[in-house]
Amino acid sequence: MRYFCFCQGDVLLTKEHAIPLDISQLGIKAWNYVTKLGDDVQVIRLDNPVVHESFVMVPLRQSFDLLSSDDYQLAGKCAELLYFDSNSKFCGCCGAPMKWSSDISKKCTCCGKELWPQLQTAVIVRITRPSGGASSAESNDNEDILLVHARNFRGKHYGLVAGFVETGETLEQAVVREVREEVGIEISDVRYYGSQPWPYPCGLMVGFTARYAQGDVHLQASELTAGRWFNRNNLPEVPGPVSIAGQLIHDWLEDKRNMF
């Protein structure tokens, strides 16, 4: 059994930075055991951070650099289940208590309503253009990339335009709308790049690439504090590979070919 134990966003690891296989020495109570995933994963909510010579508490996002990619993704899923559990104690229809009915779902003890974790789907897009704004380029050595600094960023780094998908629109429509709303430009050649679970607290980030089509950058002040075109030689601080934003940017930096 592997034990995924959390306390206020931190995950419990061994001193060797692995998921614990034995936590018997910690005296964890029965009520801390929330749910299981299959036969070998136990999800636990700790009442207090663990202070023990054999263990360390690590912020989930920082565990990306310590765990295997599979264990990091599984830890994120466990964290999302804890968030789901905290926000689904009672039925939204009749008010009765909800109980776990499967590894990842609950059922009302009175009316039988079933509930699953709700994902918040967001899109994020890497927008490029030939340096100087022309309509074509031979390589991304001569390309610019649009980077922005959002008000909710904790540091000074720049990232990509992103936003949540609204009811009744496709992912591609959400990309075009978010770009138009946040930076005031039009884009073309919207193409799927990849996706990433983002358990902060329960998101799915869907990445795209796009080409600049027309317009001047005008920032949505309520969302962004800065944003402009950068080329490969004057980039600001950008996210690391923990996020799909960082992956999109670094893939562009490493690929000197024209992707379009």
C-alpha atoms as a PDB file:
ATOM      1  CA  MET A   1       0.000   0.000   0.000  1.00  0.00           C
ATOM      2  CA  ARG A   2       1.202   3.500  -0.845  1.00  0.00           C
ATOM      3  CA  TYR A   3       0.023   6.317   1.396  1.00  0.00           C
ATOM      4  CA  PHE A   4      -0.665   9.736  -0.123  1.00  0.00           C
ATOM      5  CA  CYS A   5      -0.963  11.969   2.938  1.00  0.00           C
ATOM      6  CA  PHE A   6      -1.714  15.678   2.752  1.00  0.00           C
ATOM      7  CA  CYS A   7      -1.882  18.601   5.124  1.00  0.00           C
ATOM      8  CA  GLN A   8      -2.877  22.030   3.800  1.00  0.00           C
ATOM      9  CA  GLY A   9      -1.422  21.488   0.336  1.00  0.00           C
ATOM     10  CA  ASP A  10       1.735  19.685   1.453  1.00  0.00           C
ATOM     11  CA  VAL A  11       2.325  16.023   0.661  1.00  0.00           C
ATOM     12  CA  LEU A  12       4.141  13.607   2.973  1.00  0.00           C
ATOM     13  CA  LEU A  13       7.314  12.038   1.542  1.00  0.00           C
ATOM     14  CA  THR A  14      10.026   9.862   2.986  1.00  0.00           C
ATOM     15  CA  LYS A  15      13.442  11.390   3.597  1.00  0.00           C
ATOM     16  CA  GLU A  16      14.426   9.762   0.295  1.00  0.00           C
ATOM     17  CA  HIS A  17      11.642  11.739  -1.423  1.00  0.00           C
ATOM     18  CA  ALA A  18       9.376   8.791  -2.129  1.00  0.00           C
ATOM     19  CA  ILE A  19       5.716   8.051  -1.384  1.00  0.00           C
ATOM     20  CA  PRO A  20       5.581   6.239   1.992  1.00  0.00           C
ATOM     21  CA  LEU A  21       4.829   2.528   2.110  1.00  0.00           C
ATOM     22  CA  ASP A  22       4.601   2.395   5.906  1.00  0.00           C
ATOM     23  CA  ILE A  23       3.124   5.102   8.153  1.00  0.00           C
ATOM     24  CA  SER A  24       2.339   2.934  11.179  1.00  0.00           C
ATOM     25  CA  GLN A  25       4.736   4.967  13.354  1.00  0.00           C
ATOM     26  CA  LEU A  26       2.743   8.165  12.813  1.00  0.00           C
ATOM     27  CA  GLY A  27      -0.360   7.176  14.772  1.00  0.00           C
ATOM     28  CA  ILE A  28      -2.809   8.301  12.096  1.00  0.00           C
ATOM     29  CA  LYS A  29      -6.445   7.965  13.180  1.00  0.00           C
ATOM     30  CA  ALA A  30      -9.237   6.143  11.359  1.00  0.00           C
ATOM     31  CA  TRP A  31     -11.019   9.387  10.453  1.00  0.00           C
ATOM     32  CA  ASN A  32      -7.958  10.580   8.520  1.00  0.00           C
ATOM     33  CA  TYR A  33      -8.439   7.822   5.923  1.00  0.00           C
ATOM     34  CA  VAL A  34     -10.581   9.404   3.192  1.00  0.00           C
ATOM     35  CA  THR A  35     -10.719   7.039   0.200  1.00  0.00           C
ATOM     36  CA  LYS A  36      -8.742   4.449  -1.735  1.00  0.00           C
ATOM     37  CA  LEU A  37      -7.719   4.244  -5.383  1.00  0.00           C
ATOM     38  CA  GLY A  38      -7.695   0.597  -6.309  1.00  0.00           C
ATOM     39  CA  ASP A  39      -6.018  -1.797  -3.900  1.00  0.00           C
ATOM     40  CA  ASP A  40      -2.700  -0.054  -3.404  1.00  0.00           C
ATOM     41  CA  VAL A  41      -3.322   3.697  -2.892  1.00  0.00           C
ATOM     42  CA  GLN A  42      -4.737   5.200   0.291  1.00  0.00           C
ATOM     43  CA  VAL A  43      -5.671   8.897   0.402  1.00  0.00           C
ATOM     44  CA  ILE A  44      -5.235  10.526   3.819  1.00  0.00           C
ATOM     45  CA  ARG A  45      -5.969  13.966   5.224  1.00  0.00           C
ATOM     46  CA  LEU A  46      -3.620  14.808   8.099  1.00  0.00           C
ATOM     47  CA  ASP A  47      -4.836  16.879  11.028  1.00  0.00           C
ATOM     48  CA  ASN A  48      -1.395  18.465  11.449  1.00  0.00           C
ATOM     49  CA  PRO A  49       1.898  18.504   9.559  1.00  0.00           C
ATOM     50  CA  VAL A  50       4.091  15.502  10.312  1.00  0.00           C
ATOM     51  CA  VAL A  51       7.302  16.204  12.206  1.00  0.00           C
ATOM     52  CA  HIS A  52       9.307  12.988  12.148  1.00  0.00           C
ATOM     53  CA  GLU A  53      12.900  12.038  11.403  1.00  0.00           C
ATOM     54  CA  SER A  54      11.825   9.646   8.636  1.00  0.00           C
ATOM     55  CA  PHE A  55       9.525  12.007   6.749  1.00  0.00           C
ATOM     56  CA  VAL A  56       9.288  15.469   5.218  1.00  0.00           C
ATOM     57  CA  MET A  57       6.306  17.601   4.207  1.00  0.00           C
ATOM     58  CA  VAL A  58       6.684  19.112   0.731  1.00  0.00           C
ATOM     59  CA  PRO A  59       4.363  21.493  -1.166  1.00  0.00           C
ATOM     60  CA  LEU A  60       2.651  19.501  -3.892  1.00  0.00           C
ATOM     61  CA  ARG A  61       3.949  21.739  -6.680  1.00  0.00           C
ATOM     62  CA  GLN A  62       7.537  21.371  -5.462  1.00  0.00           C
ATOM     63  CA  SER A  63       7.166  17.594  -5.387  1.00  0.00           C
ATOM     64  CA  PHE A  64       7.257  17.716  -9.204  1.00  0.00           C
ATOM     65  CA  ASP A  65      11.049  17.943  -8.945  1.00  0.00           C
ATOM     66  CA  LEU A  66      11.269  15.065  -6.463  1.00  0.00           C
ATOM     67  CA  LEU A  67       8.790  12.415  -7.606  1.00  0.00           C
ATOM     68  CA  SER A  68       8.500  10.446 -10.809  1.00  0.00           C
ATOM     69  CA  SER A  69       6.044  11.932 -13.296  1.00  0.00           C
ATOM     70  CA  ASP A  70       3.580   9.099 -12.599  1.00  0.00           C
ATOM     71  CA  ASP A  71       3.737   9.588  -8.820  1.00  0.00           C
ATOM     72  CA  TYR A  72       3.425  13.361  -9.139  1.00  0.00           C
ATOM     73  CA  GLN A  73       0.316  13.009 -11.299  1.00  0.00           C
ATOM     74  CA  LEU A  74      -1.148  10.455  -8.887  1.00  0.00           C
ATOM     75  CA  ALA A  75      -0.415  12.760  -5.958  1.00  0.00           C
ATOM     76  CA  GLY A  76      -2.293  15.495  -7.781  1.00  0.00           C
ATOM     77  CA  LYS A  77      -5.283  13.209  -8.276  1.00  0.00           C
ATOM     78  CA  CYS A  78      -5.292  12.352  -4.577  1.00  0.00           C
ATOM     79  CA  ALA A  79      -5.162  16.042  -3.673  1.00  0.00           C
ATOM     80  CA  GLU A  80      -8.145  16.685  -5.942  1.00  0.00           C
ATOM     81  CA  LEU A  81     -10.105  13.901  -4.236  1.00  0.00           C
ATOM     82  CA  LEU A  82      -9.440  15.528  -0.876  1.00  0.00           C
ATOM     83  CA  TYR A  83     -10.716  18.829  -2.259  1.00  0.00           C
ATOM     84  CA  PHE A  84     -13.786  17.032  -3.595  1.00  0.00           C
ATOM     85  CA  ASP A  85     -14.378  15.399  -0.231  1.00  0.00           C
ATOM     86  CA  SER A  86     -14.162  18.726   1.610  1.00  0.00           C
ATOM     87  CA  ASN A  87     -16.692  20.314  -0.740  1.00  0.00           C
ATOM     88  CA  SER A  88     -19.226  17.503  -0.953  1.00  0.00           C
ATOM     89  CA  LYS A  89     -20.161  16.699   2.630  1.00  0.00           C
ATOM     90  CA  PHE A  90     -23.872  17.237   2.041  1.00  0.00           C
ATOM     91  CA  CYS A  91     -26.255  16.720  -0.868  1.00  0.00           C
ATOM     92  CA  GLY A  92     -27.027  19.804  -2.924  1.00  0.00           C
ATOM     93  CA  CYS A  93     -30.574  18.546  -3.588  1.00  0.00           C
ATOM     94  CA  CYS A  94     -31.877  17.448  -0.173  1.00  0.00           C
ATOM     95  CA  GLY A  95     -29.127  18.382   2.287  1.00  0.00           C
ATOM     96  CA  ALA A  96     -28.497  14.858   3.581  1.00  0.00           C
ATOM     97  CA  PRO A  97     -24.934  13.572   4.184  1.00  0.00           C
ATOM     98  CA  MET A  98     -22.964  12.273   1.205  1.00  0.00           C
ATOM     99  CA  LYS A  99     -21.010   9.006   1.450  1.00  0.00           C
ATOM    100  CA  TRP A 100     -18.321   7.517  -0.754  1.00  0.00           C
ATOM    101  CA  SER A 101     -19.850   5.006  -3.179  1.00  0.00           C
ATOM    102  CA  SER A 102     -16.723   4.317  -5.287  1.00  0.00           C
ATOM    103  CA  ASP A 103     -13.077   5.333  -5.318  1.00  0.00           C
ATOM    104  CA  ILE A 104     -13.939   8.671  -6.941  1.00  0.00           C
ATOM    105  CA  SER A 105     -17.652   9.289  -6.393  1.00  0.00           C
ATOM    106  CA  LYS A 106     -20.212   9.874  -3.658  1.00  0.00           C
ATOM    107  CA  LYS A 107     -23.903   9.137  -3.226  1.00  0.00           C
ATOM    108  CA  CYS A 108     -26.509  10.889  -1.103  1.00  0.00           C
ATOM    109  CA  THR A 109     -27.623   8.775   1.856  1.00  0.00           C
ATOM    110  CA  CYS A 110     -31.213  10.009   1.416  1.00  0.00           C
ATOM    111  CA  CYS A 111     -32.182  10.751  -2.187  1.00  0.00           C
ATOM    112  CA  GLY A 112     -29.450   8.732  -3.892  1.00  0.00           C
ATOM    113  CA  LYS A 113     -28.003  11.594  -5.958  1.00  0.00           C
ATOM    114  CA  GLU A 114     -24.556  10.660  -7.286  1.00  0.00           C
ATOM    115  CA  LEU A 115     -21.684  13.119  -7.472  1.00  0.00           C
ATOM    116  CA  TRP A 116     -18.239  13.054  -9.082  1.00  0.00           C
ATOM    117  CA  PRO A 117     -15.346  15.532  -8.835  1.00  0.00           C
ATOM    118  CA  GLN A 118     -15.911  18.519 -11.103  1.00  0.00           C
ATOM    119  CA  LEU A 119     -13.028  19.630 -13.306  1.00  0.00           C
ATOM    120  CA  GLN A 120     -12.436  23.290 -14.084  1.00  0.00           C
ATOM    121  CA  THR A 121     -11.289  23.213 -17.702  1.00  0.00           C
ATOM    122  CA  ALA A 122      -8.974  26.007 -18.825  1.00  0.00           C
ATOM    123  CA  VAL A 123      -7.173  26.752 -22.082  1.00  0.00           C
ATOM    124  CA  ILE A 124      -3.704  28.203 -22.481  1.00  0.00           C
ATOM    125  CA  VAL A 125      -2.132  29.314 -25.738  1.00  0.00           C
ATOM    126  CA  ARG A 126       1.304  30.107 -27.110  1.00  0.00           C
ATOM    127  CA  ILE A 127       0.947  32.889 -29.696  1.00  0.00           C
ATOM    128  CA  THR A 128       3.838  33.626 -32.057  1.00  0.00           C
ATOM    129  CA  ARG A 129       4.453  35.951 -34.956  1.00  0.00           C
ATOM    130  CA  PRO A 130       7.395  36.816 -37.186  1.00  0.00           C
ATOM    131  CA  SER A 131       9.538  39.509 -35.632  1.00  0.00           C
ATOM    132  CA  GLY A 132       8.186  42.881 -36.648  1.00  0.00           C
ATOM    133  CA  GLY A 133       4.690  41.518 -37.176  1.00  0.00           C
ATOM    134  CA  ALA A 134       5.004  40.239 -40.750  1.00  0.00           C
ATOM    135  CA  SER A 135       2.720  37.424 -41.858  1.00  0.00           C
ATOM    136  CA  SER A 136       5.329  34.692 -42.325  1.00  0.00           C
ATOM    137  CA  ALA A 137       8.765  33.626 -41.115  1.00  0.00           C
ATOM    138  CA  GLU A 138      11.335  31.013 -42.045  1.00  0.00           C
ATOM    139  CA  SER A 139      12.310  30.015 -38.487  1.00  0.00           C
ATOM    140  CA  ASN A 140      11.403  30.904 -34.949  1.00  0.00           C
ATOM    141  CA  ASP A 141      14.826  32.543 -34.562  1.00  0.00           C
ATOM    142  CA  ASN A 142      12.998  35.423 -36.230  1.00  0.00           C
ATOM    143  CA  GLU A 143       9.788  34.975 -34.266  1.00  0.00           C
ATOM    144  CA  ASP A 144       8.260  36.821 -31.361  1.00  0.00           C
ATOM    145  CA  ILE A 145       6.203  35.237 -28.622  1.00  0.00           C
ATOM    146  CA  LEU A 146       3.444  36.995 -26.681  1.00  0.00           C
ATOM    147  CA  LEU A 147       4.002  36.772 -22.921  1.00  0.00           C
ATOM    148  CA  VAL A 148       1.899  38.252 -20.143  1.00  0.00           C
ATOM    149  CA  HIS A 149       2.062  38.756 -16.404  1.00  0.00           C
ATOM    150  CA  ALA A 150      -1.227  37.980 -14.693  1.00  0.00           C
ATOM    151  CA  ARG A 151      -2.348  39.643 -11.497  1.00  0.00           C
ATOM    152  CA  ASN A 152      -2.509  36.298  -9.730  1.00  0.00           C
ATOM    153  CA  PHE A 153       1.145  35.431 -10.486  1.00  0.00           C
ATOM    154  CA  ARG A 154       3.160  35.283  -7.277  1.00  0.00           C
ATOM    155  CA  GLY A 155       6.522  36.096  -8.821  1.00  0.00           C
ATOM    156  CA  LYS A 156       7.862  38.312 -11.578  1.00  0.00           C
ATOM    157  CA  HIS A 157       7.715  35.661 -14.281  1.00  0.00           C
ATOM    158  CA  TYR A 158       5.713  36.014 -17.482  1.00  0.00           C
ATOM    159  CA  GLY A 159       3.427  33.317 -18.873  1.00  0.00           C
ATOM    160  CA  LEU A 160       0.877  32.734 -21.608  1.00  0.00           C
ATOM    161  CA  VAL A 161      -2.670  33.901 -22.168  1.00  0.00           C
ATOM    162  CA  ALA A 162      -5.041  31.500 -20.410  1.00  0.00           C
ATOM    163  CA  GLY A 163      -8.593  31.328 -19.161  1.00  0.00           C
ATOM    164  CA  PHE A 164     -11.507  29.088 -18.297  1.00  0.00           C
ATOM    165  CA  VAL A 165     -13.785  27.480 -20.852  1.00  0.00           C
ATOM    166  CA  GLU A 166     -17.343  28.772 -20.741  1.00  0.00           C
ATOM    167  CA  THR A 167     -20.519  26.737 -21.086  1.00  0.00           C
ATOM    168  CA  GLY A 168     -21.531  26.194 -24.699  1.00  0.00           C
ATOM    169  CA  GLU A 169     -18.194  26.783 -26.438  1.00  0.00           C
ATOM    170  CA  THR A 170     -15.508  24.556 -27.889  1.00  0.00           C
ATOM    171  CA  LEU A 171     -11.955  24.622 -26.609  1.00  0.00           C
ATOM    172  CA  GLU A 172     -10.822  26.424 -29.760  1.00  0.00           C
ATOM    173  CA  GLN A 173     -13.545  29.043 -29.374  1.00  0.00           C
ATOM    174  CA  ALA A 174     -12.432  29.574 -25.790  1.00  0.00           C
ATOM    175  CA  VAL A 175      -8.868  30.188 -26.971  1.00  0.00           C
ATOM    176  CA  VAL A 176      -9.933  32.821 -29.493  1.00  0.00           C
ATOM    177  CA  ARG A 177     -12.264  34.522 -26.995  1.00  0.00           C
ATOM    178  CA  GLU A 178      -9.729  34.618 -24.158  1.00  0.00           C
ATOM    179  CA  VAL A 179      -7.051  36.089 -26.431  1.00  0.00           C
ATOM    180  CA  ARG A 180      -9.461  38.737 -27.722  1.00  0.00           C
ATOM    181  CA  GLU A 181     -10.602  39.616 -24.182  1.00  0.00           C
ATOM    182  CA  GLU A 182      -7.216  39.655 -22.469  1.00  0.00           C
ATOM    183  CA  VAL A 183      -4.889  41.147 -25.089  1.00  0.00           C
ATOM    184  CA  GLY A 184      -7.197  42.492 -27.805  1.00  0.00           C
ATOM    185  CA  ILE A 185      -5.713  40.721 -30.830  1.00  0.00           C
ATOM    186  CA  GLU A 186      -6.996  38.182 -33.338  1.00  0.00           C
ATOM    187  CA  ILE A 187      -5.291  34.846 -33.915  1.00  0.00           C
ATOM    188  CA  SER A 188      -5.336  32.068 -36.508  1.00  0.00           C
ATOM    189  CA  ASP A 189      -4.074  28.485 -36.909  1.00  0.00           C
ATOM    190  CA  VAL A 190      -5.231  27.401 -33.458  1.00  0.00           C
ATOM    191  CA  ARG A 191      -3.776  23.950 -32.906  1.00  0.00           C
ATOM    192  CA  TYR A 192      -3.941  21.489 -30.029  1.00  0.00           C
ATOM    193  CA  TYR A 193      -0.646  20.984 -28.171  1.00  0.00           C
ATOM    194  CA  GLY A 194      -1.409  18.827 -25.142  1.00  0.00           C
ATOM    195  CA  SER A 195      -3.117  18.803 -21.768  1.00  0.00           C
ATOM    196  CA  GLN A 196      -2.128  18.631 -18.130  1.00  0.00           C
ATOM    197  CA  PRO A 197      -3.976  17.927 -14.892  1.00  0.00           C
ATOM    198  CA  TRP A 198      -3.576  20.982 -12.694  1.00  0.00           C
ATOM    199  CA  PRO A 199      -4.597  20.056  -9.138  1.00  0.00           C
ATOM    200  CA  TYR A 200      -4.583  23.616  -7.725  1.00  0.00           C
ATOM    201  CA  PRO A 201      -7.233  22.751  -6.770  1.00  0.00           C
ATOM    202  CA  CYS A 202      -9.025  20.807  -9.555  1.00  0.00           C
ATOM    203  CA  GLY A 203      -8.134  21.982 -13.038  1.00  0.00           C
ATOM    204  CA  LEU A 204      -7.406  20.570 -16.453  1.00  0.00           C
ATOM    205  CA  MET A 205      -5.156  22.802 -18.563  1.00  0.00           C
ATOM    206  CA  VAL A 206      -5.517  22.310 -22.317  1.00  0.00           C
ATOM    207  CA  GLY A 207      -2.651  23.776 -24.315  1.00  0.00           C
ATOM    208  CA  PHE A 208      -2.742  25.242 -27.822  1.00  0.00           C
ATOM    209  CA  THR A 209      -0.483  27.052 -30.246  1.00  0.00           C
ATOM    210  CA  ALA A 210      -1.650  29.858 -32.511  1.00  0.00           C
ATOM    211  CA  ARG A 211      -0.390  32.490 -34.911  1.00  0.00           C
ATOM    212  CA  TYR A 212      -0.939  36.212 -34.625  1.00  0.00           C
ATOM    213  CA  ALA A 213      -3.403  37.474 -37.237  1.00  0.00           C
ATOM    214  CA  GLN A 214      -4.071  41.162 -36.581  1.00  0.00           C
ATOM    215  CA  GLY A 215      -4.513  43.898 -34.010  1.00  0.00           C
ATOM    216  CA  ASP A 216      -2.472  45.729 -31.395  1.00  0.00           C
ATOM    217  CA  VAL A 217      -1.950  44.423 -27.869  1.00  0.00           C
ATOM    218  CA  HIS A 218      -4.315  46.056 -25.373  1.00  0.00           C
ATOM    219  CA  LEU A 219      -4.203  44.448 -21.937  1.00  0.00           C
ATOM    220  CA  GLN A 220      -7.274  43.622 -19.894  1.00  0.00           C
ATOM    221  CA  ALA A 221      -6.298  45.557 -16.765  1.00  0.00           C
ATOM    222  CA  SER A 222      -8.448  43.495 -14.435  1.00  0.00           C
ATOM    223  CA  GLU A 223      -6.533  40.323 -15.391  1.00  0.00           C
ATOM    224  CA  LEU A 224      -3.049  41.396 -16.525  1.00  0.00           C
ATOM    225  CA  THR A 225      -0.421  43.777 -15.204  1.00  0.00           C
ATOM    226  CA  ALA A 226       1.972  43.498 -18.162  1.00  0.00           C
ATOM    227  CA  GLY A 227       2.319  41.868 -21.542  1.00  0.00           C
ATOM    228  CA  ARG A 228       4.082  42.318 -24.864  1.00  0.00           C
ATOM    229  CA  TRP A 229       5.964  40.576 -27.645  1.00  0.00           C
ATOM    230  CA  PHE A 230       9.396  39.098 -26.853  1.00  0.00           C
ATOM    231  CA  ASN A 231      11.962  37.446 -29.085  1.00  0.00           C
ATOM    232  CA  ARG A 232      14.343  34.617 -28.259  1.00  0.00           C
ATOM    233  CA  ASN A 233      17.078  37.005 -27.151  1.00  0.00           C
ATOM    234  CA  ASN A 234      15.169  39.139 -24.638  1.00  0.00           C
ATOM    235  CA  LEU A 235      12.891  36.755 -22.777  1.00  0.00           C
ATOM    236  CA  PRO A 236      11.887  37.596 -19.199  1.00  0.00           C
ATOM    237  CA  GLU A 237      11.691  34.974 -16.460  1.00  0.00           C
ATOM    238  CA  VAL A 238       9.292  32.220 -17.601  1.00  0.00           C
ATOM    239  CA  PRO A 239       7.705  29.203 -15.871  1.00  0.00           C
ATOM    240  CA  GLY A 240       9.607  25.961 -15.445  1.00  0.00           C
ATOM    241  CA  PRO A 241       8.598  22.558 -16.846  1.00  0.00           C
ATOM    242  CA  VAL A 242       6.207  21.830 -13.976  1.00  0.00           C
ATOM    243  CA  SER A 243       3.497  23.642 -15.938  1.00  0.00           C
ATOM    244  CA  ILE A 244       2.228  23.263 -19.471  1.00  0.00           C
ATOM    245  CA  ALA A 245       2.907  26.997 -19.884  1.00  0.00           C
ATOM    246  CA  GLY A 246       6.592  26.323 -19.300  1.00  0.00           C
ATOM    247  CA  GLN A 247       6.530  23.350 -21.637  1.00  0.00           C
ATOM    248  CA  LEU A 248       4.943  25.389 -24.426  1.00  0.00           C
ATOM    249  CA  ILE A 249       7.498  28.164 -24.070  1.00  0.00           C
ATOM    250  CA  HIS A 250      10.545  25.911 -23.757  1.00  0.00           C
ATOM    251  CA  ASP A 251       9.479  23.762 -26.696  1.00  0.00           C
ATOM    252  CA  TRP A 252       9.358  26.926 -28.801  1.00  0.00           C
ATOM    253  CA  LEU A 253      12.801  27.961 -27.560  1.00  0.00           C
ATOM    254  CA  GLU A 254      14.316  24.575 -28.345  1.00  0.00           C
ATOM    255  CA  ASP A 255      12.738  24.178 -31.777  1.00  0.00           C
ATOM    256  CA  LYS A 256      14.363  26.474 -34.317  1.00  0.00           C
ATOM    257  CA  ARG A 257      12.177  25.249 -37.139  1.00  0.00           C
ATOM    258  CA  ASN A 258       9.090  27.088 -38.299  1.00  0.00           C
ATOM    259  CA  MET A 259       6.219  25.050 -36.828  1.00  0.00           C
ATOM    260  CA  PHE A 260       3.716  26.562 -39.268  1.00  0.00           C
END
